[in-house]
Amino acid sequence: MLKRMKMTRIAATKEALDTAEWPDGTLVMRTAADEVLLSPVVENPSLSDEYAIVLQDGAWAGAWFQPAELLAFLERNCEWELPRERPAFAQGAVADVATKLWFEEEKILLIVPAPYAAEMEERMEA
């Protein structure tokens, strides 16, 4: 169910990330003030921070779900409030697994560290 995902991780100044322009269709997940995860992989992003660190990051596994499929699980296994607006990015523990979520109107992307994919799948099936 959860498949390995290749992404781009960028660590750069807040200002560089705030002003960056990303290719159309790129999911920009702001994981910290000075860090983003991008999906799909973005080659050679243009950033104003000459010291930015840009890495391809294959350490994630994820899948898209229909909201009806996933929201009941999230409501039972997430101790924090889910975002109401769409699109939205959120991250935190879900069923005791570090999780990143990208919410769109008609689908939700669930992402976990790849070593925990099987664990998350088991918890989702329980």
PDB file of N, CA and C in Angstrom:
ATOM      1  N   MET A   1       0.829  -1.182   0.000  1.00  0.00           N
ATOM      2  CA  MET A   1       0.000   0.000   0.000  1.00  0.00           C
ATOM      3  C   MET A   1       0.877   1.251   0.000  1.00  0.00           C
ATOM      4  N   LEU A   2       1.765   1.435   0.999  1.00  0.00           N
ATOM      5  CA  LEU A   2       2.677   2.583   1.004  1.00  0.00           C
ATOM      6  C   LEU A   2       3.885   2.234   0.141  1.00  0.00           C
ATOM      7  N   LYS A   3       4.208   3.110  -0.777  1.00  0.00           N
ATOM      8  CA  LYS A   3       5.309   2.880  -1.715  1.00  0.00           C
ATOM      9  C   LYS A   3       6.414   3.899  -1.474  1.00  0.00           C
ATOM     10  N   ARG A   4       7.652   3.470  -1.761  1.00  0.00           N
ATOM     11  CA  ARG A   4       8.807   4.354  -1.624  1.00  0.00           C
ATOM     12  C   ARG A   4       8.592   5.597  -2.478  1.00  0.00           C
ATOM     13  N   MET A   5       8.923   6.746  -1.908  1.00  0.00           N
ATOM     14  CA  MET A   5       8.777   8.023  -2.606  1.00  0.00           C
ATOM     15  C   MET A   5      10.136   8.708  -2.702  1.00  0.00           C
ATOM     16  N   LYS A   6      10.445   9.196  -3.875  1.00  0.00           N
ATOM     17  CA  LYS A   6      11.640  10.024  -4.045  1.00  0.00           C
ATOM     18  C   LYS A   6      11.199  11.474  -3.976  1.00  0.00           C
ATOM     19  N   MET A   7      11.890  12.220  -3.134  1.00  0.00           N
ATOM     20  CA  MET A   7      11.548  13.622  -2.928  1.00  0.00           C
ATOM     21  C   MET A   7      12.830  14.444  -2.981  1.00  0.00           C
ATOM     22  N   THR A   8      12.687  15.747  -2.897  1.00  0.00           N
ATOM     23  CA  THR A   8      13.827  16.645  -2.752  1.00  0.00           C
ATOM     24  C   THR A   8      13.707  17.314  -1.394  1.00  0.00           C
ATOM     25  N   ARG A   9      14.793  17.279  -0.632  1.00  0.00           N
ATOM     26  CA  ARG A   9      14.848  17.967   0.663  1.00  0.00           C
ATOM     27  C   ARG A   9      15.775  19.163   0.486  1.00  0.00           C
ATOM     28  N   ILE A  10      15.317  20.318   0.937  1.00  0.00           N
ATOM     29  CA  ILE A  10      16.125  21.532   0.842  1.00  0.00           C
ATOM     30  C   ILE A  10      16.203  22.184   2.213  1.00  0.00           C
ATOM     31  N   ALA A  11      17.419  22.469   2.637  1.00  0.00           N
ATOM     32  CA  ALA A  11      17.665  23.282   3.827  1.00  0.00           C
ATOM     33  C   ALA A  11      18.269  24.589   3.323  1.00  0.00           C
ATOM     34  N   ALA A  12      17.612  25.690   3.645  1.00  0.00           N
ATOM     35  CA  ALA A  12      18.055  27.005   3.170  1.00  0.00           C
ATOM     36  C   ALA A  12      17.508  28.059   4.126  1.00  0.00           C
ATOM     37  N   THR A  13      17.898  29.286   3.894  1.00  0.00           N
ATOM     38  CA  THR A  13      17.371  30.347   4.752  1.00  0.00           C
ATOM     39  C   THR A  13      15.858  30.449   4.571  1.00  0.00           C
ATOM     40  N   LYS A  14      15.218  30.923   5.608  1.00  0.00           N
ATOM     41  CA  LYS A  14      13.763  31.116   5.563  1.00  0.00           C
ATOM     42  C   LYS A  14      13.395  32.029   4.396  1.00  0.00           C
ATOM     43  N   GLU A  15      14.168  33.087   4.222  1.00  0.00           N
ATOM     44  CA  GLU A  15      13.893  34.046   3.158  1.00  0.00           C
ATOM     45  C   GLU A  15      13.987  33.387   1.784  1.00  0.00           C
ATOM     46  N   ALA A  16      14.993  32.545   1.586  1.00  0.00           N
ATOM     47  CA  ALA A  16      15.153  31.869   0.295  1.00  0.00           C
ATOM     48  C   ALA A  16      13.970  30.951   0.011  1.00  0.00           C
ATOM     49  N   LEU A  17      13.510  30.247   1.032  1.00  0.00           N
ATOM     50  CA  LEU A  17      12.372  29.347   0.833  1.00  0.00           C
ATOM     51  C   LEU A  17      11.074  30.127   0.654  1.00  0.00           C
ATOM     52  N   ASP A  18      10.946  31.237   1.377  1.00  0.00           N
ATOM     53  CA  ASP A  18       9.734  32.064   1.256  1.00  0.00           C
ATOM     54  C   ASP A  18       9.572  32.640  -0.147  1.00  0.00           C
ATOM     55  N   THR A  19      10.679  32.947  -0.811  1.00  0.00           N
ATOM     56  CA  THR A  19      10.619  33.606  -2.119  1.00  0.00           C
ATOM     57  C   THR A  19      10.849  32.660  -3.291  1.00  0.00           C
ATOM     58  N   ALA A  20      11.115  31.398  -3.019  1.00  0.00           N
ATOM     59  CA  ALA A  20      11.376  30.437  -4.095  1.00  0.00           C
ATOM     60  C   ALA A  20      10.121  30.221  -4.934  1.00  0.00           C
ATOM     61  N   GLU A  21      10.343  29.995  -6.219  1.00  0.00           N
ATOM     62  CA  GLU A  21       9.251  29.631  -7.120  1.00  0.00           C
ATOM     63  C   GLU A  21       9.479  28.191  -7.537  1.00  0.00           C
ATOM     64  N   TRP A  22       8.445  27.376  -7.358  1.00  0.00           N
ATOM     65  CA  TRP A  22       8.557  25.941  -7.618  1.00  0.00           C
ATOM     66  C   TRP A  22       7.815  25.593  -8.905  1.00  0.00           C
ATOM     67  N   PRO A  23       8.235  24.519  -9.565  1.00  0.00           N
ATOM     68  CA  PRO A  23       7.522  24.104 -10.786  1.00  0.00           C
ATOM     69  C   PRO A  23       6.048  23.803 -10.493  1.00  0.00           C
ATOM     70  N   ASP A  24       5.192  24.076 -11.478  1.00  0.00           N
ATOM     71  CA  ASP A  24       3.770  23.750 -11.341  1.00  0.00           C
ATOM     72  C   ASP A  24       3.614  22.278 -10.983  1.00  0.00           C
ATOM     73  N   GLY A  25       2.666  21.987 -10.115  1.00  0.00           N
ATOM     74  CA  GLY A  25       2.394  20.608  -9.729  1.00  0.00           C
ATOM     75  C   GLY A  25       3.269  20.085  -8.614  1.00  0.00           C
ATOM     76  N   THR A  26       4.178  20.912  -8.100  1.00  0.00           N
ATOM     77  CA  THR A  26       5.063  20.479  -7.017  1.00  0.00           C
ATOM     78  C   THR A  26       4.358  20.620  -5.679  1.00  0.00           C
ATOM     79  N   LEU A  27       4.391  19.562  -4.878  1.00  0.00           N
ATOM     80  CA  LEU A  27       3.909  19.648  -3.502  1.00  0.00           C
ATOM     81  C   LEU A  27       5.049  20.199  -2.669  1.00  0.00           C
ATOM     82  N   VAL A  28       4.826  21.319  -2.023  1.00  0.00           N
ATOM     83  CA  VAL A  28       5.844  21.974  -1.203  1.00  0.00           C
ATOM     84  C   VAL A  28       5.432  21.815   0.251  1.00  0.00           C
ATOM     85  N   MET A  29       6.151  20.948   0.960  1.00  0.00           N
ATOM     86  CA  MET A  29       5.835  20.655   2.355  1.00  0.00           C
ATOM     87  C   MET A  29       6.865  21.335   3.241  1.00  0.00           C
ATOM     88  N   ARG A  30       6.465  22.389   3.899  1.00  0.00           N
ATOM     89  CA  ARG A  30       7.364  23.171   4.750  1.00  0.00           C
ATOM     90  C   ARG A  30       7.474  22.448   6.089  1.00  0.00           C
ATOM     91  N   THR A  31       8.550  21.696   6.268  1.00  0.00           N
ATOM     92  CA  THR A  31       8.734  20.889   7.474  1.00  0.00           C
ATOM     93  C   THR A  31       9.331  21.683   8.622  1.00  0.00           C
ATOM     94  N   ALA A  32       9.965  22.807   8.313  1.00  0.00           N
ATOM     95  CA  ALA A  32      10.542  23.711   9.314  1.00  0.00           C
ATOM     96  C   ALA A  32      10.732  25.058   8.624  1.00  0.00           C
ATOM     97  N   ALA A  33      11.021  26.083   9.386  1.00  0.00           N
ATOM     98  CA  ALA A  33      11.197  27.413   8.796  1.00  0.00           C
ATOM     99  C   ALA A  33      12.289  27.414   7.734  1.00  0.00           C
ATOM    100  N   ASP A  34      13.305  26.565   7.929  1.00  0.00           N
ATOM    101  CA  ASP A  34      14.440  26.544   7.008  1.00  0.00           C
ATOM    102  C   ASP A  34      14.536  25.250   6.200  1.00  0.00           C
ATOM    103  N   GLU A  35      13.418  24.524   6.056  1.00  0.00           N
ATOM    104  CA  GLU A  35      13.465  23.242   5.343  1.00  0.00           C
ATOM    105  C   GLU A  35      12.151  22.962   4.620  1.00  0.00           C
ATOM    106  N   VAL A  36      12.268  22.404   3.405  1.00  0.00           N
ATOM    107  CA  VAL A  36      11.097  21.924   2.673  1.00  0.00           C
ATOM    108  C   VAL A  36      11.375  20.533   2.128  1.00  0.00           C
ATOM    109  N   LEU A  37      10.300  19.781   1.958  1.00  0.00           N
ATOM    110  CA  LEU A  37      10.309  18.543   1.186  1.00  0.00           C
ATOM    111  C   LEU A  37       9.468  18.811  -0.047  1.00  0.00           C
ATOM    112  N   LEU A  38       9.974  18.415  -1.203  1.00  0.00           N
ATOM    113  CA  LEU A  38       9.274  18.628  -2.459  1.00  0.00           C
ATOM    114  C   LEU A  38       8.969  17.294  -3.110  1.00  0.00           C
ATOM    115  N   SER A  39       7.792  17.182  -3.665  1.00  0.00           N
ATOM    116  CA  SER A  39       7.412  15.993  -4.418  1.00  0.00           C
ATOM    117  C   SER A  39       6.652  16.458  -5.649  1.00  0.00           C
ATOM    118  N   PRO A  40       7.034  15.950  -6.823  1.00  0.00           N
ATOM    119  CA  PRO A  40       8.111  15.008  -7.082  1.00  0.00           C
ATOM    120  C   PRO A  40       9.473  15.695  -6.989  1.00  0.00           C
ATOM    121  N   VAL A  41      10.525  14.935  -7.280  1.00  0.00           N
ATOM    122  CA  VAL A  41      11.891  15.461  -7.235  1.00  0.00           C
ATOM    123  C   VAL A  41      11.986  16.710  -8.113  1.00  0.00           C
ATOM    124  N   VAL A  42      12.645  17.731  -7.601  1.00  0.00           N
ATOM    125  CA  VAL A  42      12.895  18.966  -8.350  1.00  0.00           C
ATOM    126  C   VAL A  42      14.401  19.056  -8.565  1.00  0.00           C
ATOM    127  N   GLU A  43      14.804  19.037  -9.817  1.00  0.00           N
ATOM    128  CA  GLU A  43      16.222  19.132 -10.162  1.00  0.00           C
ATOM    129  C   GLU A  43      16.657  20.594 -10.199  1.00  0.00           C
ATOM    130  N   ASN A  44      17.772  20.906  -9.585  1.00  0.00           N
ATOM    131  CA  ASN A  44      18.386  22.233  -9.647  1.00  0.00           C
ATOM    132  C   ASN A  44      17.417  23.387  -9.375  1.00  0.00           C
ATOM    133  N   PRO A  45      16.803  23.405  -8.207  1.00  0.00           N
ATOM    134  CA  PRO A  45      15.895  24.515  -7.911  1.00  0.00           C
ATOM    135  C   PRO A  45      16.666  25.829  -7.821  1.00  0.00           C
ATOM    136  N   SER A  46      16.029  26.896  -8.233  1.00  0.00           N
ATOM    137  CA  SER A  46      16.637  28.220  -8.180  1.00  0.00           C
ATOM    138  C   SER A  46      16.329  28.843  -6.823  1.00  0.00           C
ATOM    139  N   LEU A  47      17.379  29.054  -6.033  1.00  0.00           N
ATOM    140  CA  LEU A  47      17.221  29.605  -4.687  1.00  0.00           C
ATOM    141  C   LEU A  47      18.169  30.780  -4.499  1.00  0.00           C
ATOM    142  N   SER A  48      17.758  31.741  -3.694  1.00  0.00           N
ATOM    143  CA  SER A  48      18.602  32.908  -3.435  1.00  0.00           C
ATOM    144  C   SER A  48      19.669  32.638  -2.376  1.00  0.00           C
ATOM    145  N   ASP A  49      19.673  31.467  -1.774  1.00  0.00           N
ATOM    146  CA  ASP A  49      20.651  31.105  -0.742  1.00  0.00           C
ATOM    147  C   ASP A  49      21.764  30.279  -1.381  1.00  0.00           C
ATOM    148  N   GLU A  50      22.925  30.892  -1.542  1.00  0.00           N
ATOM    149  CA  GLU A  50      24.024  30.179  -2.203  1.00  0.00           C
ATOM    150  C   GLU A  50      24.542  28.994  -1.385  1.00  0.00           C
ATOM    151  N   TYR A  51      24.199  28.928  -0.112  1.00  0.00           N
ATOM    152  CA  TYR A  51      24.645  27.831   0.747  1.00  0.00           C
ATOM    153  C   TYR A  51      23.545  26.796   0.989  1.00  0.00           C
ATOM    154  N   ALA A  52      22.473  26.891   0.247  1.00  0.00           N
ATOM    155  CA  ALA A  52      21.370  25.942   0.406  1.00  0.00           C
ATOM    156  C   ALA A  52      21.869  24.515   0.180  1.00  0.00           C
ATOM    157  N   ILE A  53      21.323  23.607   0.941  1.00  0.00           N
ATOM    158  CA  ILE A  53      21.623  22.182   0.786  1.00  0.00           C
ATOM    159  C   ILE A  53      20.425  21.554   0.089  1.00  0.00           C
ATOM    160  N   VAL A  54      20.680  20.950  -1.074  1.00  0.00           N
ATOM    161  CA  VAL A  54      19.621  20.339  -1.873  1.00  0.00           C
ATOM    162  C   VAL A  54      19.975  18.872  -2.068  1.00  0.00           C
ATOM    163  N   LEU A  55      19.104  17.991  -1.582  1.00  0.00           N
ATOM    164  CA  LEU A  55      19.364  16.551  -1.652  1.00  0.00           C
ATOM    165  C   LEU A  55      18.156  15.807  -2.194  1.00  0.00           C
ATOM    166  N   GLN A  56      18.415  14.796  -3.014  1.00  0.00           N
ATOM    167  CA  GLN A  56      17.343  13.859  -3.329  1.00  0.00           C
ATOM    168  C   GLN A  56      17.190  12.960  -2.116  1.00  0.00           C
ATOM    169  N   ASP A  57      15.959  12.748  -1.698  1.00  0.00           N
ATOM    170  CA  ASP A  57      15.683  12.043  -0.448  1.00  0.00           C
ATOM    171  C   ASP A  57      14.688  10.919  -0.714  1.00  0.00           C
ATOM    172  N   GLY A  58      15.169   9.697  -0.657  1.00  0.00           N
ATOM    173  CA  GLY A  58      14.321   8.529  -0.880  1.00  0.00           C
ATOM    174  C   GLY A  58      13.963   7.806   0.396  1.00  0.00           C
ATOM    175  N   ALA A  59      14.002   8.514   1.520  1.00  0.00           N
ATOM    176  CA  ALA A  59      13.793   7.887   2.828  1.00  0.00           C
ATOM    177  C   ALA A  59      12.328   7.829   3.237  1.00  0.00           C
ATOM    178  N   TRP A  60      11.409   8.042   2.291  1.00  0.00           N
ATOM    179  CA  TRP A  60       9.991   8.149   2.617  1.00  0.00           C
ATOM    180  C   TRP A  60       9.170   7.111   1.877  1.00  0.00           C
ATOM    181  N   ALA A  61       8.039   6.767   2.463  1.00  0.00           N
ATOM    182  CA  ALA A  61       7.050   5.912   1.806  1.00  0.00           C
ATOM    183  C   ALA A  61       5.698   6.576   1.991  1.00  0.00           C
ATOM    184  N   GLY A  62       4.868   6.481   0.979  1.00  0.00           N
ATOM    185  CA  GLY A  62       3.572   7.128   1.099  1.00  0.00           C
ATOM    186  C   GLY A  62       2.584   6.627   0.077  1.00  0.00           C
ATOM    187  N   ALA A  63       1.367   7.135   0.190  1.00  0.00           N
ATOM    188  CA  ALA A  63       0.299   6.802  -0.750  1.00  0.00           C
ATOM    189  C   ALA A  63      -0.801   7.842  -0.636  1.00  0.00           C
ATOM    190  N   TRP A  64      -1.516   8.005  -1.748  1.00  0.00           N
ATOM    191  CA  TRP A  64      -2.699   8.863  -1.774  1.00  0.00           C
ATOM    192  C   TRP A  64      -3.910   8.048  -1.355  1.00  0.00           C
ATOM    193  N   PHE A  65      -4.793   8.673  -0.587  1.00  0.00           N
ATOM    194  CA  PHE A  65      -6.024   8.035  -0.126  1.00  0.00           C
ATOM    195  C   PHE A  65      -7.201   8.959  -0.392  1.00  0.00           C
ATOM    196  N   GLN A  66      -8.365   8.359  -0.570  1.00  0.00           N
ATOM    197  CA  GLN A  66      -9.606   9.122  -0.600  1.00  0.00           C
ATOM    198  C   GLN A  66      -9.874   9.592   0.825  1.00  0.00           C
ATOM    199  N   PRO A  67     -10.379  10.807   1.013  1.00  0.00           N
ATOM    200  CA  PRO A  67     -10.625  11.297   2.370  1.00  0.00           C
ATOM    201  C   PRO A  67     -11.453  10.343   3.225  1.00  0.00           C
ATOM    202  N   ALA A  68     -12.496   9.754   2.665  1.00  0.00           N
ATOM    203  CA  ALA A  68     -13.341   8.845   3.449  1.00  0.00           C
ATOM    204  C   ALA A  68     -12.539   7.652   3.966  1.00  0.00           C
ATOM    205  N   GLU A  69     -11.556   7.203   3.183  1.00  0.00           N
ATOM    206  CA  GLU A  69     -10.709   6.074   3.576  1.00  0.00           C
ATOM    207  C   GLU A  69      -9.833   6.416   4.775  1.00  0.00           C
ATOM    208  N   LEU A  70      -9.296   7.626   4.771  1.00  0.00           N
ATOM    209  CA  LEU A  70      -8.247   7.966   5.723  1.00  0.00           C
ATOM    210  C   LEU A  70      -8.720   8.779   6.926  1.00  0.00           C
ATOM    211  N   LEU A  71      -9.716   9.625   6.757  1.00  0.00           N
ATOM    212  CA  LEU A  71     -10.090  10.535   7.844  1.00  0.00           C
ATOM    213  C   LEU A  71     -10.553   9.813   9.103  1.00  0.00           C
ATOM    214  N   ALA A  72     -11.282   8.721   8.975  1.00  0.00           N
ATOM    215  CA  ALA A  72     -11.724   7.987  10.170  1.00  0.00           C
ATOM    216  C   ALA A  72     -10.516   7.453  10.932  1.00  0.00           C
ATOM    217  N   PHE A  73      -9.531   6.915  10.213  1.00  0.00           N
ATOM    218  CA  PHE A  73      -8.299   6.430  10.844  1.00  0.00           C
ATOM    219  C   PHE A  73      -7.572   7.581  11.535  1.00  0.00           C
ATOM    220  N   LEU A  74      -7.448   8.712  10.856  1.00  0.00           N
ATOM    221  CA  LEU A  74      -6.752   9.857  11.442  1.00  0.00           C
ATOM    222  C   LEU A  74      -7.470  10.358  12.688  1.00  0.00           C
ATOM    223  N   GLU A  75      -8.774  10.421  12.643  1.00  0.00           N
ATOM    224  CA  GLU A  75      -9.526  10.900  13.806  1.00  0.00           C
ATOM    225  C   GLU A  75      -9.348   9.994  15.021  1.00  0.00           C
ATOM    226  N   ARG A  76      -9.176   8.700  14.798  1.00  0.00           N
ATOM    227  CA  ARG A  76      -8.954   7.756  15.904  1.00  0.00           C
ATOM    228  C   ARG A  76      -7.512   7.750  16.391  1.00  0.00           C
ATOM    229  N   ASN A  77      -6.567   8.081  15.522  1.00  0.00           N
ATOM    230  CA  ASN A  77      -5.153   7.853  15.828  1.00  0.00           C
ATOM    231  C   ASN A  77      -4.285   9.097  15.814  1.00  0.00           C
ATOM    232  N   CYS A  78      -4.900  10.250  15.766  1.00  0.00           N
ATOM    233  CA  CYS A  78      -4.159  11.505  15.704  1.00  0.00           C
ATOM    234  C   CYS A  78      -4.601  12.375  16.874  1.00  0.00           C
ATOM    235  N   GLU A  79      -3.666  12.739  17.745  1.00  0.00           N
ATOM    236  CA  GLU A  79      -4.006  13.523  18.937  1.00  0.00           C
ATOM    237  C   GLU A  79      -4.029  15.026  18.680  1.00  0.00           C
ATOM    238  N   TRP A  80      -3.697  15.445  17.484  1.00  0.00           N
ATOM    239  CA  TRP A  80      -3.681  16.865  17.159  1.00  0.00           C
ATOM    240  C   TRP A  80      -4.775  17.162  16.132  1.00  0.00           C
ATOM    241  N   GLU A  81      -5.151  18.419  16.090  1.00  0.00           N
ATOM    242  CA  GLU A  81      -6.239  18.819  15.194  1.00  0.00           C
ATOM    243  C   GLU A  81      -5.776  18.836  13.742  1.00  0.00           C
ATOM    244  N   LEU A  82      -6.560  18.216  12.895  1.00  0.00           N
ATOM    245  CA  LEU A  82      -6.257  18.199  11.469  1.00  0.00           C
ATOM    246  C   LEU A  82      -6.637  19.540  10.847  1.00  0.00           C
ATOM    247  N   PRO A  83      -5.886  19.975   9.830  1.00  0.00           N
ATOM    248  CA  PRO A  83      -6.231  21.244   9.178  1.00  0.00           C
ATOM    249  C   PRO A  83      -7.594  21.151   8.499  1.00  0.00           C
ATOM    250  N   ARG A  84      -8.308  22.251   8.491  1.00  0.00           N
ATOM    251  CA  ARG A  84      -9.635  22.291   7.871  1.00  0.00           C
ATOM    252  C   ARG A  84      -9.574  22.832   6.439  1.00  0.00           C
ATOM    253  N   GLU A  85      -8.621  23.713   6.187  1.00  0.00           N
ATOM    254  CA  GLU A  85      -8.500  24.302   4.852  1.00  0.00           C
ATOM    255  C   GLU A  85      -7.733  23.359   3.935  1.00  0.00           C
ATOM    256  N   ARG A  86      -7.962  23.507   2.643  1.00  0.00           N
ATOM    257  CA  ARG A  86      -7.277  22.701   1.646  1.00  0.00           C
ATOM    258  C   ARG A  86      -6.772  23.619   0.543  1.00  0.00           C
ATOM    259  N   PRO A  87      -5.606  23.413  -0.027  1.00  0.00           N
ATOM    260  CA  PRO A  87      -4.640  22.392   0.373  1.00  0.00           C
ATOM    261  C   PRO A  87      -3.968  22.771   1.684  1.00  0.00           C
ATOM    262  N   ALA A  88      -3.423  21.767   2.349  1.00  0.00           N
ATOM    263  CA  ALA A  88      -2.753  21.997   3.630  1.00  0.00           C
ATOM    264  C   ALA A  88      -1.730  20.903   3.872  1.00  0.00           C
ATOM    265  N   PHE A  89      -0.692  21.274   4.611  1.00  0.00           N
ATOM    266  CA  PHE A  89       0.335  20.323   5.038  1.00  0.00           C
ATOM    267  C   PHE A  89       0.314  20.263   6.551  1.00  0.00           C
ATOM    268  N   ALA A  90       0.470  19.056   7.094  1.00  0.00           N
ATOM    269  CA  ALA A  90       0.552  18.871   8.543  1.00  0.00           C
ATOM    270  C   ALA A  90       1.514  17.729   8.824  1.00  0.00           C
ATOM    271  N   GLN A  91       2.100  17.756  10.008  1.00  0.00           N
ATOM    272  CA  GLN A  91       2.999  16.670  10.399  1.00  0.00           C
ATOM    273  C   GLN A  91       2.924  16.462  11.897  1.00  0.00           C
ATOM    274  N   GLY A  92       3.125  15.214  12.296  1.00  0.00           N
ATOM    275  CA  GLY A  92       3.083  14.856  13.705  1.00  0.00           C
ATOM    276  C   GLY A  92       2.895  13.357  13.836  1.00  0.00           C
ATOM    277  N   ALA A  93       2.727  12.904  15.059  1.00  0.00           N
ATOM    278  CA  ALA A  93       2.543  11.474  15.301  1.00  0.00           C
ATOM    279  C   ALA A  93       1.118  11.061  14.944  1.00  0.00           C
ATOM    280  N   VAL A  94       1.018   9.994  14.184  1.00  0.00           N
ATOM    281  CA  VAL A  94      -0.262   9.353  13.875  1.00  0.00           C
ATOM    282  C   VAL A  94      -0.076   7.884  14.208  1.00  0.00           C
ATOM    283  N   ALA A  95      -0.871   7.369  15.128  1.00  0.00           N
ATOM    284  CA  ALA A  95      -0.731   5.983  15.586  1.00  0.00           C
ATOM    285  C   ALA A  95       0.703   5.736  16.060  1.00  0.00           C
ATOM    286  N   ASP A  96       1.291   6.742  16.703  1.00  0.00           N
ATOM    287  CA  ASP A  96       2.656   6.683  17.240  1.00  0.00           C
ATOM    288  C   ASP A  96       3.736   6.532  16.173  1.00  0.00           C
ATOM    289  N   VAL A  97       3.449   6.937  14.943  1.00  0.00           N
ATOM    290  CA  VAL A  97       4.432   6.922  13.859  1.00  0.00           C
ATOM    291  C   VAL A  97       4.555   8.355  13.336  1.00  0.00           C
ATOM    292  N   ALA A  98       5.794   8.839  13.191  1.00  0.00           N
ATOM    293  CA  ALA A  98       6.020  10.172  12.620  1.00  0.00           C
ATOM    294  C   ALA A  98       5.430  10.204  11.213  1.00  0.00           C
ATOM    295  N   THR A  99       4.550  11.168  10.976  1.00  0.00           N
ATOM    296  CA  THR A  99       3.774  11.180   9.738  1.00  0.00           C
ATOM    297  C   THR A  99       3.693  12.591   9.172  1.00  0.00           C
ATOM    298  N   LYS A 100       3.710  12.654   7.850  1.00  0.00           N
ATOM    299  CA  LYS A 100       3.471  13.901   7.137  1.00  0.00           C
ATOM    300  C   LYS A 100       2.213  13.691   6.299  1.00  0.00           C
ATOM    301  N   LEU A 101       1.364  14.708   6.259  1.00  0.00           N
ATOM    302  CA  LEU A 101       0.098  14.616   5.536  1.00  0.00           C
ATOM    303  C   LEU A 101      -0.068  15.822   4.625  1.00  0.00           C
ATOM    304  N   TRP A 102      -0.437  15.565   3.385  1.00  0.00           N
ATOM    305  CA  TRP A 102      -0.775  16.632   2.447  1.00  0.00           C
ATOM    306  C   TRP A 102      -2.255  16.463   2.116  1.00  0.00           C
ATOM    307  N   PHE A 103      -3.047  17.466   2.453  1.00  0.00           N
ATOM    308  CA  PHE A 103      -4.492  17.417   2.258  1.00  0.00           C
ATOM    309  C   PHE A 103      -4.891  18.204   1.018  1.00  0.00           C
ATOM    310  N   GLU A 104      -5.632  17.568   0.137  1.00  0.00           N
ATOM    311  CA  GLU A 104      -6.292  18.250  -0.970  1.00  0.00           C
ATOM    312  C   GLU A 104      -7.785  18.002  -0.815  1.00  0.00           C
ATOM    313  N   GLU A 105      -8.599  18.672  -1.602  1.00  0.00           N
ATOM    314  CA  GLU A 105     -10.052  18.511  -1.480  1.00  0.00           C
ATOM    315  C   GLU A 105     -10.481  17.060  -1.681  1.00  0.00           C
ATOM    316  N   GLU A 106      -9.906  16.394  -2.677  1.00  0.00           N
ATOM    317  CA  GLU A 106     -10.399  15.074  -3.056  1.00  0.00           C
ATOM    318  C   GLU A 106      -9.451  13.934  -2.727  1.00  0.00           C
ATOM    319  N   LYS A 107      -8.318  14.222  -2.089  1.00  0.00           N
ATOM    320  CA  LYS A 107      -7.393  13.153  -1.721  1.00  0.00           C
ATOM    321  C   LYS A 107      -6.438  13.646  -0.648  1.00  0.00           C
ATOM    322  N   ILE A 108      -5.830  12.675   0.037  1.00  0.00           N
ATOM    323  CA  ILE A 108      -4.874  12.972   1.107  1.00  0.00           C
ATOM    324  C   ILE A 108      -3.647  12.095   0.890  1.00  0.00           C
ATOM    325  N   LEU A 109      -2.469  12.712   0.956  1.00  0.00           N
ATOM    326  CA  LEU A 109      -1.209  11.986   0.856  1.00  0.00           C
ATOM    327  C   LEU A 109      -0.679  11.742   2.258  1.00  0.00           C
ATOM    328  N   LEU A 110      -0.460  10.478   2.597  1.00  0.00           N
ATOM    329  CA  LEU A 110       0.128  10.088   3.883  1.00  0.00           C
ATOM    330  C   LEU A 110       1.554   9.643   3.609  1.00  0.00           C
ATOM    331  N   ILE A 111       2.518  10.205   4.347  1.00  0.00           N
ATOM    332  CA  ILE A 111       3.940   9.909   4.161  1.00  0.00           C
ATOM    333  C   ILE A 111       4.541   9.565   5.517  1.00  0.00           C
ATOM    334  N   VAL A 112       5.339   8.490   5.548  1.00  0.00           N
ATOM    335  CA  VAL A 112       6.060   8.099   6.763  1.00  0.00           C
ATOM    336  C   VAL A 112       7.502   7.772   6.385  1.00  0.00           C
ATOM    337  N   PRO A 113       8.421   7.779   7.365  1.00  0.00           N
ATOM    338  CA  PRO A 113       9.767   7.304   7.064  1.00  0.00           C
ATOM    339  C   PRO A 113       9.678   5.862   6.546  1.00  0.00           C
ATOM    340  N   ALA A 114      10.376   5.565   5.467  1.00  0.00           N
ATOM    341  CA  ALA A 114      10.265   4.256   4.817  1.00  0.00           C
ATOM    342  C   ALA A 114      10.434   3.075   5.773  1.00  0.00           C
ATOM    343  N   PRO A 115      11.355   3.123   6.753  1.00  0.00           N
ATOM    344  CA  PRO A 115      11.483   1.972   7.650  1.00  0.00           C
ATOM    345  C   PRO A 115      10.222   1.689   8.478  1.00  0.00           C
ATOM    346  N   TYR A 116       9.319   2.667   8.567  1.00  0.00           N
ATOM    347  CA  TYR A 116       8.094   2.499   9.357  1.00  0.00           C
ATOM    348  C   TYR A 116       6.860   2.236   8.500  1.00  0.00           C
ATOM    349  N   ALA A 117       7.041   2.035   7.201  1.00  0.00           N
ATOM    350  CA  ALA A 117       5.894   1.834   6.312  1.00  0.00           C
ATOM    351  C   ALA A 117       5.085   0.605   6.708  1.00  0.00           C
ATOM    352  N   ALA A 118       5.743  -0.519   6.943  1.00  0.00           N
ATOM    353  CA  ALA A 118       5.012  -1.741   7.310  1.00  0.00           C
ATOM    354  C   ALA A 118       4.289  -1.559   8.639  1.00  0.00           C
ATOM    355  N   GLU A 119       4.931  -0.882   9.571  1.00  0.00           N
ATOM    356  CA  GLU A 119       4.304  -0.617  10.875  1.00  0.00           C
ATOM    357  C   GLU A 119       3.037   0.223  10.701  1.00  0.00           C
ATOM    358  N   MET A 120       3.109   1.262   9.893  1.00  0.00           N
ATOM    359  CA  MET A 120       1.932   2.100   9.666  1.00  0.00           C
ATOM    360  C   MET A 120       0.833   1.302   8.974  1.00  0.00           C
ATOM    361  N   GLU A 121       1.200   0.496   7.994  1.00  0.00           N
ATOM    362  CA  GLU A 121       0.198  -0.319   7.307  1.00  0.00           C
ATOM    363  C   GLU A 121      -0.523  -1.244   8.283  1.00  0.00           C
ATOM    364  N   GLU A 122       0.223  -1.875   9.190  1.00  0.00           N
ATOM    365  CA  GLU A 122      -0.394  -2.753  10.197  1.00  0.00           C
ATOM    366  C   GLU A 122      -1.361  -1.969  11.074  1.00  0.00           C
ATOM    367  N   ARG A 123      -0.972  -0.785  11.479  1.00  0.00           N
ATOM    368  CA  ARG A 123      -1.830   0.027  12.348  1.00  0.00           C
ATOM    369  C   ARG A 123      -3.069   0.516  11.605  1.00  0.00           C
ATOM    370  N   MET A 124      -2.932   0.753  10.316  1.00  0.00           N
ATOM    371  CA  MET A 124      -4.084   1.187   9.533  1.00  0.00           C
ATOM    372  C   MET A 124      -5.090   0.053   9.343  1.00  0.00           C
ATOM    373  N   GLU A 125      -4.599  -1.175   9.301  1.00  0.00           N
ATOM    374  CA  GLU A 125      -5.474  -2.335   9.106  1.00  0.00           C
ATOM    375  C   GLU A 125      -6.133  -2.794  10.395  1.00  0.00           C
ATOM    376  N   ALA A 126      -5.602  -2.379  11.545  1.00  0.00           N
ATOM    377  CA  ALA A 126      -6.133  -2.845  12.840  1.00  0.00           C
ATOM    378  C   ALA A 126      -7.474  -2.225  13.160  1.00  0.00           C
TER     379      ALA A 126
END
